[in-house]
PDB file of N, CA and C in Angstrom:
ATOM      1  N   MET A   1    -288.389 -94.497  -5.732  1.00  0.00           N
ATOM      2  CA  MET A   1    -289.055 -95.236  -6.780  1.00  0.00           C
ATOM      3  C   MET A   1    -289.106 -96.714  -6.402  1.00  0.00           C
ATOM      4  N   PRO A   2    -290.157 -97.393  -6.818  1.00  0.00           N
ATOM      5  CA  PRO A   2    -290.256 -98.829  -6.559  1.00  0.00           C
ATOM      6  C   PRO A   2    -289.126 -99.598  -7.255  1.00  0.00           C
ATOM      7  N   PRO A   3    -288.792-100.785  -6.755  1.00  0.00           N
ATOM      8  CA  PRO A   3    -287.721-101.579  -7.367  1.00  0.00           C
ATOM      9  C   PRO A   3    -287.925-101.847  -8.857  1.00  0.00           C
ATOM     10  N   LEU A   4    -289.181-102.039  -9.278  1.00  0.00           N
ATOM     11  CA  LEU A   4    -289.443-102.290 -10.695  1.00  0.00           C
ATOM     12  C   LEU A   4    -288.988-101.115 -11.555  1.00  0.00           C
ATOM     13  N   VAL A   5    -289.191 -99.902 -11.089  1.00  0.00           N
ATOM     14  CA  VAL A   5    -288.762 -98.725 -11.845  1.00  0.00           C
ATOM     15  C   VAL A   5    -287.237 -98.700 -11.941  1.00  0.00           C
ATOM     16  N   HIS A   6    -286.562 -99.052 -10.865  1.00  0.00           N
ATOM     17  CA  HIS A   6    -285.097 -99.108 -10.901  1.00  0.00           C
ATOM     18  C   HIS A   6    -284.624-100.156 -11.914  1.00  0.00           C
ATOM     19  N   GLN A   7    -285.328-101.272 -12.010  1.00  0.00           N
ATOM     20  CA  GLN A   7    -284.976-102.300 -12.992  1.00  0.00           C
ATOM     21  C   GLN A   7    -285.168-101.768 -14.410  1.00  0.00           C
ATOM     22  N   LEU A   8    -286.256-101.025 -14.626  1.00  0.00           N
ATOM     23  CA  LEU A   8    -286.499-100.447 -15.950  1.00  0.00           C
ATOM     24  C   LEU A   8    -285.419 -99.442 -16.319  1.00  0.00           C
ATOM     25  N   LEU A   9    -284.981 -98.663 -15.338  1.00  0.00           N
ATOM     26  CA  LEU A   9    -283.955 -97.659 -15.604  1.00  0.00           C
ATOM     27  C   LEU A   9    -282.588 -98.289 -15.878  1.00  0.00           C
ATOM     28  N   GLU A  10    -282.421 -99.541 -15.504  1.00  0.00           N
ATOM     29  CA  GLU A  10    -281.203-100.256 -15.890  1.00  0.00           C
ATOM     30  C   GLU A  10    -281.253-100.606 -17.374  1.00  0.00           C
ATOM     31  N   GLN A  11    -282.449-100.735 -17.926  1.00  0.00           N
ATOM     32  CA  GLN A  11    -282.626-101.065 -19.338  1.00  0.00           C
ATOM     33  C   GLN A  11    -282.726 -99.809 -20.207  1.00  0.00           C
ATOM     34  N   VAL A  12    -283.290 -98.745 -19.650  1.00  0.00           N
ATOM     35  CA  VAL A  12    -283.477 -97.495 -20.374  1.00  0.00           C
ATOM     36  C   VAL A  12    -282.737 -96.414 -19.595  1.00  0.00           C
ATOM     37  N   PRO A  13    -281.623 -95.932 -20.109  1.00  0.00           N
ATOM     38  CA  PRO A  13    -280.846 -94.931 -19.381  1.00  0.00           C
ATOM     39  C   PRO A  13    -281.648 -93.659 -19.101  1.00  0.00           C
ATOM     40  N   LEU A  14    -281.363 -93.059 -17.970  1.00  0.00           N
ATOM     41  CA  LEU A  14    -281.995 -91.806 -17.566  1.00  0.00           C
ATOM     42  C   LEU A  14    -280.951 -90.707 -17.641  1.00  0.00           C
ATOM     43  N   HIS A  15    -281.212 -89.712 -18.487  1.00  0.00           N
ATOM     44  CA  HIS A  15    -280.336 -88.552 -18.604  1.00  0.00           C
ATOM     45  C   HIS A  15    -281.024 -87.366 -17.948  1.00  0.00           C
ATOM     46  N   VAL A  16    -280.245 -86.522 -17.312  1.00  0.00           N
ATOM     47  CA  VAL A  16    -280.769 -85.299 -16.701  1.00  0.00           C
ATOM     48  C   VAL A  16    -280.068 -84.124 -17.364  1.00  0.00           C
ATOM     49  N   GLU A  17    -280.861 -83.203 -17.895  1.00  0.00           N
ATOM     50  CA  GLU A  17    -280.322 -81.996 -18.518  1.00  0.00           C
ATOM     51  C   GLU A  17    -281.019 -80.791 -17.904  1.00  0.00           C
ATOM     52  N   ASP A  18    -280.371 -79.641 -17.992  1.00  0.00           N
ATOM     53  CA  ASP A  18    -280.968 -78.431 -17.438  1.00  0.00           C
ATOM     54  C   ASP A  18    -282.231 -78.029 -18.187  1.00  0.00           C
ATOM     55  N   TYR A  19    -282.181 -78.100 -19.504  1.00  0.00           N
ATOM     56  CA  TYR A  19    -283.325 -77.711 -20.329  1.00  0.00           C
ATOM     57  C   TYR A  19    -283.198 -78.373 -21.695  1.00  0.00           C
ATOM     58  N   PRO A  20    -284.306 -78.464 -22.431  1.00  0.00           N
ATOM     59  CA  PRO A  20    -284.256 -79.107 -23.752  1.00  0.00           C
ATOM     60  C   PRO A  20    -283.610 -78.179 -24.786  1.00  0.00           C
ATOM     61  N   PRO A  21    -282.916 -78.757 -25.751  1.00  0.00           N
ATOM     62  CA  PRO A  21    -282.344 -77.939 -26.824  1.00  0.00           C
ATOM     63  C   PRO A  21    -283.453 -77.396 -27.735  1.00  0.00           C
ATOM     64  N   PRO A  22    -283.162 -76.333 -28.474  1.00  0.00           N
ATOM     65  CA  PRO A  22    -284.185 -75.701 -29.336  1.00  0.00           C
ATOM     66  C   PRO A  22    -284.871 -76.676 -30.301  1.00  0.00           C
ATOM     67  N   GLU A  23    -284.118 -77.627 -30.864  1.00  0.00           N
ATOM     68  CA  GLU A  23    -284.743 -78.550 -31.823  1.00  0.00           C
ATOM     69  C   GLU A  23    -285.773 -79.453 -31.155  1.00  0.00           C
ATOM     70  N   VAL A  24    -285.577 -79.792 -29.887  1.00  0.00           N
ATOM     71  CA  VAL A  24    -286.555 -80.598 -29.148  1.00  0.00           C
ATOM     72  C   VAL A  24    -287.803 -79.769 -28.869  1.00  0.00           C
ATOM     73  N   LEU A  25    -287.621 -78.501 -28.531  1.00  0.00           N
ATOM     74  CA  LEU A  25    -288.773 -77.617 -28.314  1.00  0.00           C
ATOM     75  C   LEU A  25    -289.602 -77.515 -29.591  1.00  0.00           C
ATOM     76  N   ARG A  26    -288.934 -77.318 -30.724  1.00  0.00           N
ATOM     77  CA  ARG A  26    -289.653 -77.229 -32.003  1.00  0.00           C
ATOM     78  C   ARG A  26    -290.380 -78.537 -32.310  1.00  0.00           C
ATOM     79  N   GLU A  27    -289.690 -79.653 -32.093  1.00  0.00           N
ATOM     80  CA  GLU A  27    -290.263 -80.971 -32.381  1.00  0.00           C
ATOM     81  C   GLU A  27    -291.546 -81.212 -31.582  1.00  0.00           C
ATOM     82  N   HIS A  28    -291.586 -80.724 -30.353  1.00  0.00           N
ATOM     83  CA  HIS A  28    -292.744 -80.932 -29.480  1.00  0.00           C
ATOM     84  C   HIS A  28    -293.726 -79.758 -29.488  1.00  0.00           C
ATOM     85  N   GLY A  29    -293.439 -78.719 -30.267  1.00  0.00           N
ATOM     86  CA  GLY A  29    -294.324 -77.564 -30.338  1.00  0.00           C
ATOM     87  C   GLY A  29    -294.400 -76.787 -29.035  1.00  0.00           C
ATOM     88  N   VAL A  30    -293.276 -76.724 -28.322  1.00  0.00           N
ATOM     89  CA  VAL A  30    -293.210 -76.041 -27.030  1.00  0.00           C
ATOM     90  C   VAL A  30    -292.495 -74.716 -27.221  1.00  0.00           C
ATOM     91  N   ARG A  31    -293.070 -73.637 -26.683  1.00  0.00           N
ATOM     92  CA  ARG A  31    -292.476 -72.302 -26.852  1.00  0.00           C
ATOM     93  C   ARG A  31    -291.397 -71.997 -25.829  1.00  0.00           C
ATOM     94  N   PHE A  32    -291.632 -72.388 -24.582  1.00  0.00           N
ATOM     95  CA  PHE A  32    -290.712 -72.021 -23.508  1.00  0.00           C
ATOM     96  C   PHE A  32    -290.050 -73.275 -22.941  1.00  0.00           C
ATOM     97  N   ARG A  33    -288.758 -73.185 -22.705  1.00  0.00           N
ATOM     98  CA  ARG A  33    -288.001 -74.372 -22.318  1.00  0.00           C
ATOM     99  C   ARG A  33    -288.374 -74.922 -20.954  1.00  0.00           C
ATOM    100  N   ASP A  34    -289.018 -74.125 -20.092  1.00  0.00           N
ATOM    101  CA  ASP A  34    -289.424 -74.658 -18.785  1.00  0.00           C
ATOM    102  C   ASP A  34    -290.803 -75.312 -18.825  1.00  0.00           C
ATOM    103  N   GLU A  35    -291.363 -75.467 -20.025  1.00  0.00           N
ATOM    104  CA  GLU A  35    -292.657 -76.138 -20.168  1.00  0.00           C
ATOM    105  C   GLU A  35    -292.517 -77.642 -20.403  1.00  0.00           C
ATOM    106  N   LEU A  36    -291.301 -78.096 -20.698  1.00  0.00           N
ATOM    107  CA  LEU A  36    -291.087 -79.513 -20.994  1.00  0.00           C
ATOM    108  C   LEU A  36    -290.321 -80.157 -19.843  1.00  0.00           C
ATOM    109  N   CYS A  37    -290.923 -81.184 -19.255  1.00  0.00           N
ATOM    110  CA  CYS A  37    -290.312 -81.862 -18.100  1.00  0.00           C
ATOM    111  C   CYS A  37    -289.467 -83.062 -18.511  1.00  0.00           C
ATOM    112  N   GLY A  38    -289.836 -83.719 -19.601  1.00  0.00           N
ATOM    113  CA  GLY A  38    -289.096 -84.917 -19.981  1.00  0.00           C
ATOM    114  C   GLY A  38    -289.370 -85.323 -21.409  1.00  0.00           C
ATOM    115  N   ARG A  39    -288.600 -86.319 -21.840  1.00  0.00           N
ATOM    116  CA  ARG A  39    -288.723 -86.797 -23.213  1.00  0.00           C
ATOM    117  C   ARG A  39    -288.245 -88.249 -23.287  1.00  0.00           C
ATOM    118  N   TYR A  40    -288.998 -89.052 -24.001  1.00  0.00           N
ATOM    119  CA  TYR A  40    -288.586 -90.429 -24.294  1.00  0.00           C
ATOM    120  C   TYR A  40    -288.129 -90.465 -25.740  1.00  0.00           C
ATOM    121  N   THR A  41    -286.956 -91.010 -25.962  1.00  0.00           N
ATOM    122  CA  THR A  41    -286.427 -91.173 -27.310  1.00  0.00           C
ATOM    123  C   THR A  41    -286.192 -92.660 -27.529  1.00  0.00           C
ATOM    124  N   GLY A  42    -286.783 -93.187 -28.559  1.00  0.00           N
ATOM    125  CA  GLY A  42    -286.579 -94.601 -28.855  1.00  0.00           C
ATOM    126  C   GLY A  42    -287.792 -95.206 -29.526  1.00  0.00           C
ATOM    127  N   ILE A  43    -287.817 -96.501 -29.533  1.00  0.00           N
ATOM    128  CA  ILE A  43    -288.919 -97.254 -30.120  1.00  0.00           C
ATOM    129  C   ILE A  43    -289.624 -97.988 -28.980  1.00  0.00           C
ATOM    130  N   PRO A  44    -290.907 -97.682 -28.760  1.00  0.00           N
ATOM    131  CA  PRO A  44    -291.630 -98.361 -27.672  1.00  0.00           C
ATOM    132  C   PRO A  44    -291.544 -99.881 -27.813  1.00  0.00           C
ATOM    133  N   ILE A  45    -291.501-100.558 -26.690  1.00  0.00           N
ATOM    134  CA  ILE A  45    -291.345-102.018 -26.732  1.00  0.00           C
ATOM    135  C   ILE A  45    -292.515-102.697 -27.438  1.00  0.00           C
ATOM    136  N   THR A  46    -293.662-102.020 -27.509  1.00  0.00           N
ATOM    137  CA  THR A  46    -294.818-102.584 -28.205  1.00  0.00           C
ATOM    138  C   THR A  46    -294.646-102.558 -29.720  1.00  0.00           C
ATOM    139  N   LYS A  47    -293.643-101.797 -30.205  1.00  0.00           N
ATOM    140  CA  LYS A  47    -293.422-101.678 -31.652  1.00  0.00           C
ATOM    141  C   LYS A  47    -292.080-102.240 -32.094  1.00  0.00           C
ATOM    142  N   LYS A  48    -291.281-102.733 -31.147  1.00  0.00           N
ATOM    143  CA  LYS A  48    -289.953-103.238 -31.504  1.00  0.00           C
ATOM    144  C   LYS A  48    -290.054-104.593 -32.189  1.00  0.00           C
ATOM    145  N   SER A  49    -289.138-104.784 -33.121  1.00  0.00           N
ATOM    146  CA  SER A  49    -289.027-106.070 -33.808  1.00  0.00           C
ATOM    147  C   SER A  49    -287.557-106.291 -34.160  1.00  0.00           C
ATOM    148  N   VAL A  50    -287.267-107.413 -34.764  1.00  0.00           N
ATOM    149  CA  VAL A  50    -285.886-107.702 -35.162  1.00  0.00           C
ATOM    150  C   VAL A  50    -285.383-106.694 -36.195  1.00  0.00           C
ATOM    151  N   GLU A  51    -286.293-106.042 -36.885  1.00  0.00           N
ATOM    152  CA  GLU A  51    -285.912-105.027 -37.866  1.00  0.00           C
ATOM    153  C   GLU A  51    -285.241-103.822 -37.205  1.00  0.00           C
ATOM    154  N   HIS A  52    -285.425-103.656 -35.895  1.00  0.00           N
ATOM    155  CA  HIS A  52    -284.873-102.507 -35.177  1.00  0.00           C
ATOM    156  C   HIS A  52    -283.553-102.835 -34.480  1.00  0.00           C
ATOM    157  N   SER A  53    -282.920-103.926 -34.847  1.00  0.00           N
ATOM    158  CA  SER A  53    -281.721-104.366 -34.131  1.00  0.00           C
ATOM    159  C   SER A  53    -280.571-103.361 -34.212  1.00  0.00           C
ATOM    160  N   GLY A  54    -280.508-102.527 -35.223  1.00  0.00           N
ATOM    161  CA  GLY A  54    -279.427-101.548 -35.347  1.00  0.00           C
ATOM    162  C   GLY A  54    -279.805-100.163 -34.868  1.00  0.00           C
ATOM    163  N   ALA A  55    -280.985-100.024 -34.285  1.00  0.00           N
ATOM    164  CA  ALA A  55    -281.464 -98.703 -33.851  1.00  0.00           C
ATOM    165  C   ALA A  55    -280.702 -98.214 -32.633  1.00  0.00           C
ATOM    166  N   LEU A  56    -280.691 -96.903 -32.469  1.00  0.00           N
ATOM    167  CA  LEU A  56    -280.080 -96.317 -31.279  1.00  0.00           C
ATOM    168  C   LEU A  56    -280.827 -96.781 -30.034  1.00  0.00           C
ATOM    169  N   PRO A  57    -280.156 -96.821 -28.888  1.00  0.00           N
ATOM    170  CA  PRO A  57    -280.830 -97.272 -27.665  1.00  0.00           C
ATOM    171  C   PRO A  57    -281.889 -96.272 -27.187  1.00  0.00           C
ATOM    172  N   ASP A  58    -282.865 -96.790 -26.463  1.00  0.00           N
ATOM    173  CA  ASP A  58    -283.897 -95.958 -25.866  1.00  0.00           C
ATOM    174  C   ASP A  58    -283.281 -95.126 -24.748  1.00  0.00           C
ATOM    175  N   VAL A  59    -283.808 -93.914 -24.556  1.00  0.00           N
ATOM    176  CA  VAL A  59    -283.304 -93.019 -23.521  1.00  0.00           C
ATOM    177  C   VAL A  59    -284.471 -92.207 -22.961  1.00  0.00           C
ATOM    178  N   VAL A  60    -284.482 -92.026 -21.652  1.00  0.00           N
ATOM    179  CA  VAL A  60    -285.400 -91.092 -21.009  1.00  0.00           C
ATOM    180  C   VAL A  60    -284.554 -89.903 -20.561  1.00  0.00           C
ATOM    181  N   THR A  61    -284.992 -88.713 -20.952  1.00  0.00           N
ATOM    182  CA  THR A  61    -284.303 -87.492 -20.541  1.00  0.00           C
ATOM    183  C   THR A  61    -285.290 -86.665 -19.739  1.00  0.00           C
ATOM    184  N   ILE A  62    -284.853 -86.192 -18.580  1.00  0.00           N
ATOM    185  CA  ILE A  62    -285.686 -85.276 -17.809  1.00  0.00           C
ATOM    186  C   ILE A  62    -284.980 -83.922 -17.765  1.00  0.00           C
ATOM    187  N   TYR A  63    -285.792 -82.854 -17.710  1.00  0.00           N
ATOM    188  CA  TYR A  63    -285.270 -81.488 -17.773  1.00  0.00           C
ATOM    189  C   TYR A  63    -285.534 -80.757 -16.461  1.00  0.00           C
ATOM    190  N   ARG A  64    -284.437 -80.332 -15.838  1.00  0.00           N
ATOM    191  CA  ARG A  64    -284.479 -79.695 -14.523  1.00  0.00           C
ATOM    192  C   ARG A  64    -285.402 -78.473 -14.506  1.00  0.00           C
ATOM    193  N   GLU A  65    -285.267 -77.572 -15.478  1.00  0.00           N
ATOM    194  CA  GLU A  65    -286.071 -76.343 -15.469  1.00  0.00           C
ATOM    195  C   GLU A  65    -287.569 -76.647 -15.546  1.00  0.00           C
ATOM    196  N   GLY A  66    -287.946 -77.572 -16.399  1.00  0.00           N
ATOM    197  CA  GLY A  66    -289.360 -77.912 -16.546  1.00  0.00           C
ATOM    198  C   GLY A  66    -289.918 -78.548 -15.286  1.00  0.00           C
ATOM    199  N   ILE A  67    -289.143 -79.421 -14.667  1.00  0.00           N
ATOM    200  CA  ILE A  67    -289.596 -80.086 -13.443  1.00  0.00           C
ATOM    201  C   ILE A  67    -289.732 -79.069 -12.315  1.00  0.00           C
ATOM    202  N   LEU A  68    -288.768 -78.167 -12.184  1.00  0.00           N
ATOM    203  CA  LEU A  68    -288.860 -77.136 -11.145  1.00  0.00           C
ATOM    204  C   LEU A  68    -290.066 -76.237 -11.367  1.00  0.00           C
ATOM    205  N   ALA A  69    -290.318 -75.858 -12.626  1.00  0.00           N
ATOM    206  CA  ALA A  69    -291.473 -75.012 -12.928  1.00  0.00           C
ATOM    207  C   ALA A  69    -292.782 -75.730 -12.614  1.00  0.00           C
ATOM    208  N   ALA A  70    -292.863 -77.012 -12.962  1.00  0.00           N
ATOM    209  CA  ALA A  70    -294.084 -77.776 -12.709  1.00  0.00           C
ATOM    210  C   ALA A  70    -294.306 -78.013 -11.214  1.00  0.00           C
ATOM    211  N   ALA A  71    -293.221 -78.087 -10.450  1.00  0.00           N
ATOM    212  CA  ALA A  71    -293.327 -78.356  -9.015  1.00  0.00           C
ATOM    213  C   ALA A  71    -293.563 -77.087  -8.194  1.00  0.00           C
ATOM    214  N   ALA A  72    -293.382 -75.927  -8.798  1.00  0.00           N
ATOM    215  CA  ALA A  72    -293.513 -74.672  -8.059  1.00  0.00           C
ATOM    216  C   ALA A  72    -294.968 -74.357  -7.726  1.00  0.00           C
ATOM    217  N   ASP A  73    -295.168 -73.768  -6.558  1.00  0.00           N
ATOM    218  CA  ASP A  73    -296.511 -73.313  -6.202  1.00  0.00           C
ATOM    219  C   ASP A  73    -296.765 -71.955  -6.866  1.00  0.00           C
ATOM    220  N   ARG A  74    -297.887 -71.346  -6.603  1.00  0.00           N
ATOM    221  CA  ARG A  74    -298.237 -70.092  -7.289  1.00  0.00           C
ATOM    222  C   ARG A  74    -297.317 -68.930  -6.928  1.00  0.00           C
ATOM    223  N   TYR A  75    -296.524 -69.094  -5.886  1.00  0.00           N
ATOM    224  CA  TYR A  75    -295.561 -68.064  -5.487  1.00  0.00           C
ATOM    225  C   TYR A  75    -294.147 -68.387  -5.989  1.00  0.00           C
ATOM    226  N   GLY A  76    -294.012 -69.474  -6.746  1.00  0.00           N
ATOM    227  CA  GLY A  76    -292.718 -69.855  -7.284  1.00  0.00           C
ATOM    228  C   GLY A  76    -291.861 -70.672  -6.334  1.00  0.00           C
ATOM    229  N   ARG A  77    -292.439 -71.057  -5.190  1.00  0.00           N
ATOM    230  CA  ARG A  77    -291.686 -71.851  -4.217  1.00  0.00           C
ATOM    231  C   ARG A  77    -291.805 -73.331  -4.568  1.00  0.00           C
ATOM    232  N   VAL A  78    -290.712 -74.060  -4.310  1.00  0.00           N
ATOM    233  CA  VAL A  78    -290.685 -75.492  -4.589  1.00  0.00           C
ATOM    234  C   VAL A  78    -290.344 -76.223  -3.302  1.00  0.00           C
ATOM    235  N   SER A  79    -291.284 -77.042  -2.838  1.00  0.00           N
ATOM    236  CA  SER A  79    -291.009 -77.849  -1.651  1.00  0.00           C
ATOM    237  C   SER A  79    -290.378 -79.167  -2.100  1.00  0.00           C
ATOM    238  N   LEU A  80    -289.649 -79.778  -1.204  1.00  0.00           N
ATOM    239  CA  LEU A  80    -289.016 -81.057  -1.507  1.00  0.00           C
ATOM    240  C   LEU A  80    -290.078 -82.102  -1.869  1.00  0.00           C
ATOM    241  N   LYS A  81    -291.202 -82.080  -1.171  1.00  0.00           N
ATOM    242  CA  LYS A  81    -292.275 -83.046  -1.434  1.00  0.00           C
ATOM    243  C   LYS A  81    -292.830 -82.885  -2.852  1.00  0.00           C
ATOM    244  N   ARG A  82    -293.104 -81.653  -3.253  1.00  0.00           N
ATOM    245  CA  ARG A  82    -293.638 -81.401  -4.605  1.00  0.00           C
ATOM    246  C   ARG A  82    -292.599 -81.720  -5.674  1.00  0.00           C
ATOM    247  N   LEU A  83    -291.336 -81.417  -5.376  1.00  0.00           N
ATOM    248  CA  LEU A  83    -290.266 -81.705  -6.333  1.00  0.00           C
ATOM    249  C   LEU A  83    -290.137 -83.212  -6.554  1.00  0.00           C
ATOM    250  N   ARG A  84    -290.123 -83.969  -5.478  1.00  0.00           N
ATOM    251  CA  ARG A  84    -290.020 -85.426  -5.606  1.00  0.00           C
ATOM    252  C   ARG A  84    -291.213 -85.998  -6.369  1.00  0.00           C
ATOM    253  N   LYS A  85    -292.392 -85.472  -6.083  1.00  0.00           N
ATOM    254  CA  LYS A  85    -293.592 -85.943  -6.771  1.00  0.00           C
ATOM    255  C   LYS A  85    -293.493 -85.667  -8.278  1.00  0.00           C
ATOM    256  N   GLN A  86    -293.026 -84.469  -8.643  1.00  0.00           N
ATOM    257  CA  GLN A  86    -292.927 -84.126 -10.063  1.00  0.00           C
ATOM    258  C   GLN A  86    -291.858 -84.955 -10.772  1.00  0.00           C
ATOM    259  N   ILE A  87    -290.748 -85.211 -10.113  1.00  0.00           N
ATOM    260  CA  ILE A  87    -289.716 -86.068 -10.699  1.00  0.00           C
ATOM    261  C   ILE A  87    -290.283 -87.457 -10.945  1.00  0.00           C
ATOM    262  N   ARG A  88    -290.999 -87.983  -9.952  1.00  0.00           N
ATOM    263  CA  ARG A  88    -291.603 -89.316 -10.073  1.00  0.00           C
ATOM    264  C   ARG A  88    -292.594 -89.367 -11.235  1.00  0.00           C
ATOM    265  N   ILE A  89    -293.471 -88.370 -11.302  1.00  0.00           N
ATOM    266  CA  ILE A  89    -294.465 -88.314 -12.377  1.00  0.00           C
ATOM    267  C   ILE A  89    -293.781 -88.260 -13.737  1.00  0.00           C
ATOM    268  N   THR A  90    -292.744 -87.436 -13.848  1.00  0.00           N
ATOM    269  CA  THR A  90    -292.053 -87.274 -15.128  1.00  0.00           C
ATOM    270  C   THR A  90    -291.374 -88.566 -15.567  1.00  0.00           C
ATOM    271  N   ILE A  91    -290.665 -89.210 -14.661  1.00  0.00           N
ATOM    272  CA  ILE A  91    -289.977 -90.452 -15.020  1.00  0.00           C
ATOM    273  C   ILE A  91    -290.984 -91.537 -15.387  1.00  0.00           C
ATOM    274  N   LEU A  92    -292.050 -91.682 -14.596  1.00  0.00           N
ATOM    275  CA  LEU A  92    -293.049 -92.704 -14.912  1.00  0.00           C
ATOM    276  C   LEU A  92    -293.773 -92.394 -16.220  1.00  0.00           C
ATOM    277  N   HIS A  93    -293.998 -91.123 -16.498  1.00  0.00           N
ATOM    278  CA  HIS A  93    -294.623 -90.710 -17.760  1.00  0.00           C
ATOM    279  C   HIS A  93    -293.763 -91.153 -18.938  1.00  0.00           C
ATOM    280  N   GLU A  94    -292.474 -90.843 -18.871  1.00  0.00           N
ATOM    281  CA  GLU A  94    -291.582 -91.191 -19.981  1.00  0.00           C
ATOM    282  C   GLU A  94    -291.398 -92.703 -20.107  1.00  0.00           C
ATOM    283  N   LEU A  95    -291.332 -93.412 -18.992  1.00  0.00           N
ATOM    284  CA  LEU A  95    -291.273 -94.877 -19.055  1.00  0.00           C
ATOM    285  C   LEU A  95    -292.568 -95.448 -19.613  1.00  0.00           C
ATOM    286  N   GLY A  96    -293.672 -94.758 -19.388  1.00  0.00           N
ATOM    287  CA  GLY A  96    -294.947 -95.159 -19.993  1.00  0.00           C
ATOM    288  C   GLY A  96    -294.869 -95.128 -21.512  1.00  0.00           C
ATOM    289  N   HIS A  97    -294.215 -94.086 -22.056  1.00  0.00           N
ATOM    290  CA  HIS A  97    -294.015 -94.023 -23.507  1.00  0.00           C
ATOM    291  C   HIS A  97    -293.157 -95.197 -23.979  1.00  0.00           C
ATOM    292  N   HIS A  98    -292.161 -95.559 -23.193  1.00  0.00           N
ATOM    293  CA  HIS A  98    -291.319 -96.710 -23.529  1.00  0.00           C
ATOM    294  C   HIS A  98    -292.172 -97.982 -23.641  1.00  0.00           C
ATOM    295  N   HIS A  99    -293.229 -98.053 -22.851  1.00  0.00           N
ATOM    296  CA  HIS A  99    -294.120 -99.220 -22.881  1.00  0.00           C
ATOM    297  C   HIS A  99    -295.291 -99.044 -23.837  1.00  0.00           C
ATOM    298  N   GLY A 100    -295.239 -97.999 -24.662  1.00  0.00           N
ATOM    299  CA  GLY A 100    -296.231 -97.832 -25.712  1.00  0.00           C
ATOM    300  C   GLY A 100    -297.470 -97.040 -25.335  1.00  0.00           C
ATOM    301  N   LEU A 101    -297.496 -96.422 -24.160  1.00  0.00           N
ATOM    302  CA  LEU A 101    -298.664 -95.640 -23.770  1.00  0.00           C
ATOM    303  C   LEU A 101    -298.655 -94.273 -24.458  1.00  0.00           C
ATOM    304  N   SER A 102    -299.832 -93.824 -24.866  1.00  0.00           N
ATOM    305  CA  SER A 102    -299.970 -92.522 -25.524  1.00  0.00           C
ATOM    306  C   SER A 102    -300.107 -91.418 -24.474  1.00  0.00           C
ATOM    307  N   GLU A 103    -300.022 -90.177 -24.928  1.00  0.00           N
ATOM    308  CA  GLU A 103    -300.213 -89.034 -24.021  1.00  0.00           C
ATOM    309  C   GLU A 103    -301.591 -89.108 -23.351  1.00  0.00           C
ATOM    310  N   GLU A 104    -302.607 -89.450 -24.122  1.00  0.00           N
ATOM    311  CA  GLU A 104    -303.964 -89.543 -23.583  1.00  0.00           C
ATOM    312  C   GLU A 104    -304.062 -90.623 -22.504  1.00  0.00           C
ATOM    313  N   GLU A 105    -303.477 -91.786 -22.761  1.00  0.00           N
ATOM    314  CA  GLU A 105    -303.507 -92.871 -21.783  1.00  0.00           C
ATOM    315  C   GLU A 105    -302.763 -92.474 -20.510  1.00  0.00           C
ATOM    316  N   LEU A 106    -301.635 -91.800 -20.665  1.00  0.00           N
ATOM    317  CA  LEU A 106    -300.869 -91.358 -19.495  1.00  0.00           C
ATOM    318  C   LEU A 106    -301.629 -90.292 -18.701  1.00  0.00           C
ATOM    319  N   ARG A 107    -302.327 -89.414 -19.424  1.00  0.00           N
ATOM    320  CA  ARG A 107    -303.145 -88.382 -18.762  1.00  0.00           C
ATOM    321  C   ARG A 107    -304.248 -89.044 -17.934  1.00  0.00           C
ATOM    322  N   GLU A 108    -304.899 -90.058 -18.516  1.00  0.00           N
ATOM    323  CA  GLU A 108    -305.955 -90.785 -17.798  1.00  0.00           C
ATOM    324  C   GLU A 108    -305.432 -91.471 -16.545  1.00  0.00           C
ATOM    325  N   LEU A 109    -304.158 -91.900 -16.574  1.00  0.00           N
ATOM    326  CA  LEU A 109    -303.536 -92.552 -15.432  1.00  0.00           C
ATOM    327  C   LEU A 109    -303.007 -91.545 -14.417  1.00  0.00           C
ATOM    328  N   GLY A 110    -303.049 -90.260 -14.747  1.00  0.00           N
ATOM    329  CA  GLY A 110    -302.569 -89.224 -13.825  1.00  0.00           C
ATOM    330  C   GLY A 110    -301.106 -88.892 -13.973  1.00  0.00           C
ATOM    331  N   TYR A 111    -300.502 -89.268 -15.098  1.00  0.00           N
ATOM    332  CA  TYR A 111    -299.077 -88.998 -15.325  1.00  0.00           C
ATOM    333  C   TYR A 111    -298.898 -87.949 -16.423  1.00  0.00           C
ATOM    334  N   GLU A 112    -299.415 -86.754 -16.153  1.00  0.00           N
ATOM    335  CA  GLU A 112    -299.239 -85.697 -17.167  1.00  0.00           C
ATOM    336  C   GLU A 112    -298.345 -84.613 -16.662  1.00  0.00           C
TER     337      GLU A 112
END
């Protein structure tokens, strides 16, 4: 990852979990746990104000099962190159939410 991304991750912690809990799947309308690669929890910096001073910290969580599924080819094989690319896309996607970008804007940028 570029140095700027590392700086952002110092401000927004990155958690890695095997898969999302059932309540996260319900919240996002996802049926299968390997369909979700990541999640941003927090208040985007475009919406933060002094009123949010007591809010929980922002967090980016990535899910191993979802990333592996997204990186797999049609035979279920995962190359290191595809895995790294999917991890990068997922982290940048979630950091995009931290900066106030919508799903549509991220899709247009190629981070879906």
